[in-house]
Protein backbone atom coordinates (compact mmCIF):
# COMPACT_ATOMS: atom_id res chain seq x y z
CA MET A 1 -2.68 -2.19 -21.90
CA THR A 2 -5.11 -5.08 -22.11
CA LYS A 3 -8.52 -4.69 -20.51
CA MET A 4 -10.05 -7.69 -18.74
CA SER A 5 -13.79 -8.13 -19.19
CA LYS A 6 -16.52 -10.63 -18.40
CA ARG A 7 -14.61 -12.12 -15.48
CA GLN A 8 -15.37 -12.25 -11.80
CA LEU A 9 -12.54 -10.11 -10.45
CA ARG A 10 -11.52 -10.20 -6.79
CA VAL A 11 -8.86 -8.32 -4.89
CA VAL A 12 -7.17 -10.53 -2.29
CA ARG A 13 -4.36 -9.90 0.17
CA LEU A 14 -1.04 -11.55 -0.64
CA LEU A 15 0.66 -13.47 2.15
CA GLU A 16 4.17 -12.93 0.69
CA PRO A 17 3.91 -10.13 -1.96
CA GLU A 18 7.57 -10.33 -2.99
CA LEU A 19 7.03 -13.88 -4.30
CA CYS A 20 4.55 -12.55 -6.88
CA LEU A 21 7.03 -10.05 -8.31
CA GLU A 22 9.20 -12.90 -9.66
CA CYS A 23 6.41 -15.37 -10.47
CA ARG A 24 5.81 -16.19 -14.15
CA PHE A 25 2.04 -16.04 -13.55
CA GLY A 26 2.07 -12.52 -12.05
CA GLN A 27 1.78 -9.28 -13.99
CA ARG A 28 1.46 -5.66 -12.87
CA ALA A 29 -1.97 -4.14 -13.48
CA GLU A 30 -4.04 -1.04 -12.83
CA VAL A 31 -7.13 -2.14 -10.90
CA GLU A 32 -10.35 -0.13 -10.63
CA MET A 33 -11.93 -0.74 -7.25
CA LYS A 34 -15.65 -0.86 -6.50
CA ASP A 35 -15.56 2.80 -5.32
CA GLY A 36 -13.95 3.93 -8.61
CA SER A 37 -10.43 4.44 -7.24
CA MET A 38 -7.45 3.05 -9.18
CA GLN A 39 -4.57 1.07 -7.66
CA THR A 40 -1.49 -0.69 -9.05
CA MET A 41 -1.58 -4.37 -8.09
CA VAL A 42 -0.45 -7.81 -9.22
CA TYR A 43 -2.74 -9.72 -11.58
CA CYS A 44 -2.30 -13.48 -11.29
CA ARG A 45 -3.11 -15.89 -14.11
CA ARG A 46 -2.79 -18.85 -11.75
CA LEU A 47 -6.18 -19.56 -10.19
CA ASP A 48 -5.04 -21.81 -7.33
CA CYS A 49 -2.16 -19.94 -5.69
CA ASP A 50 -1.31 -20.71 -2.04
CA ASN A 51 -0.11 -17.12 -1.56
CA TRP A 52 -3.63 -15.66 -1.44
CA ASP A 53 -5.61 -14.70 1.67
CA TYR A 54 -9.27 -15.02 0.65
CA SER A 55 -10.62 -13.72 3.97
CA SER A 56 -10.22 -10.11 2.81
CA ALA A 57 -11.49 -10.63 -0.78
CA GLU A 58 -13.41 -7.73 -2.30
CA PRO A 59 -14.76 -7.16 -5.81
CA ALA A 60 -12.93 -5.12 -8.45
CA LYS A 61 -14.60 -3.33 -11.37
CA SER A 62 -11.85 -3.76 -13.96
CA VAL A 63 -8.21 -4.69 -14.50
CA ASN A 64 -5.90 -3.17 -17.11
CA LEU A 65 -2.76 -5.29 -17.55
CA GLU A 66 0.56 -3.58 -18.22
CA GLU A 67 2.25 -4.99 -21.30
CA ASP A 68 5.86 -6.10 -21.10
CA ALA A 69 8.34 -3.50 -22.32
CA ALA A 70 10.59 -6.18 -23.84
């Protein structure tokens, strides 16, 4: 796993989550929320995606990316 650091991390709602599963910019990740809980989510390397709903954005403490098994 790769740990992300020194970035402003936000958790946003996805409008069409299934699109992110096939996107070349998306990668599964373990996300540590502000309250310390862990959740599996999609980490997106594209910073201007139209599939994001910013109205529900909340901060995340850390993101650990899952490496490809290939």
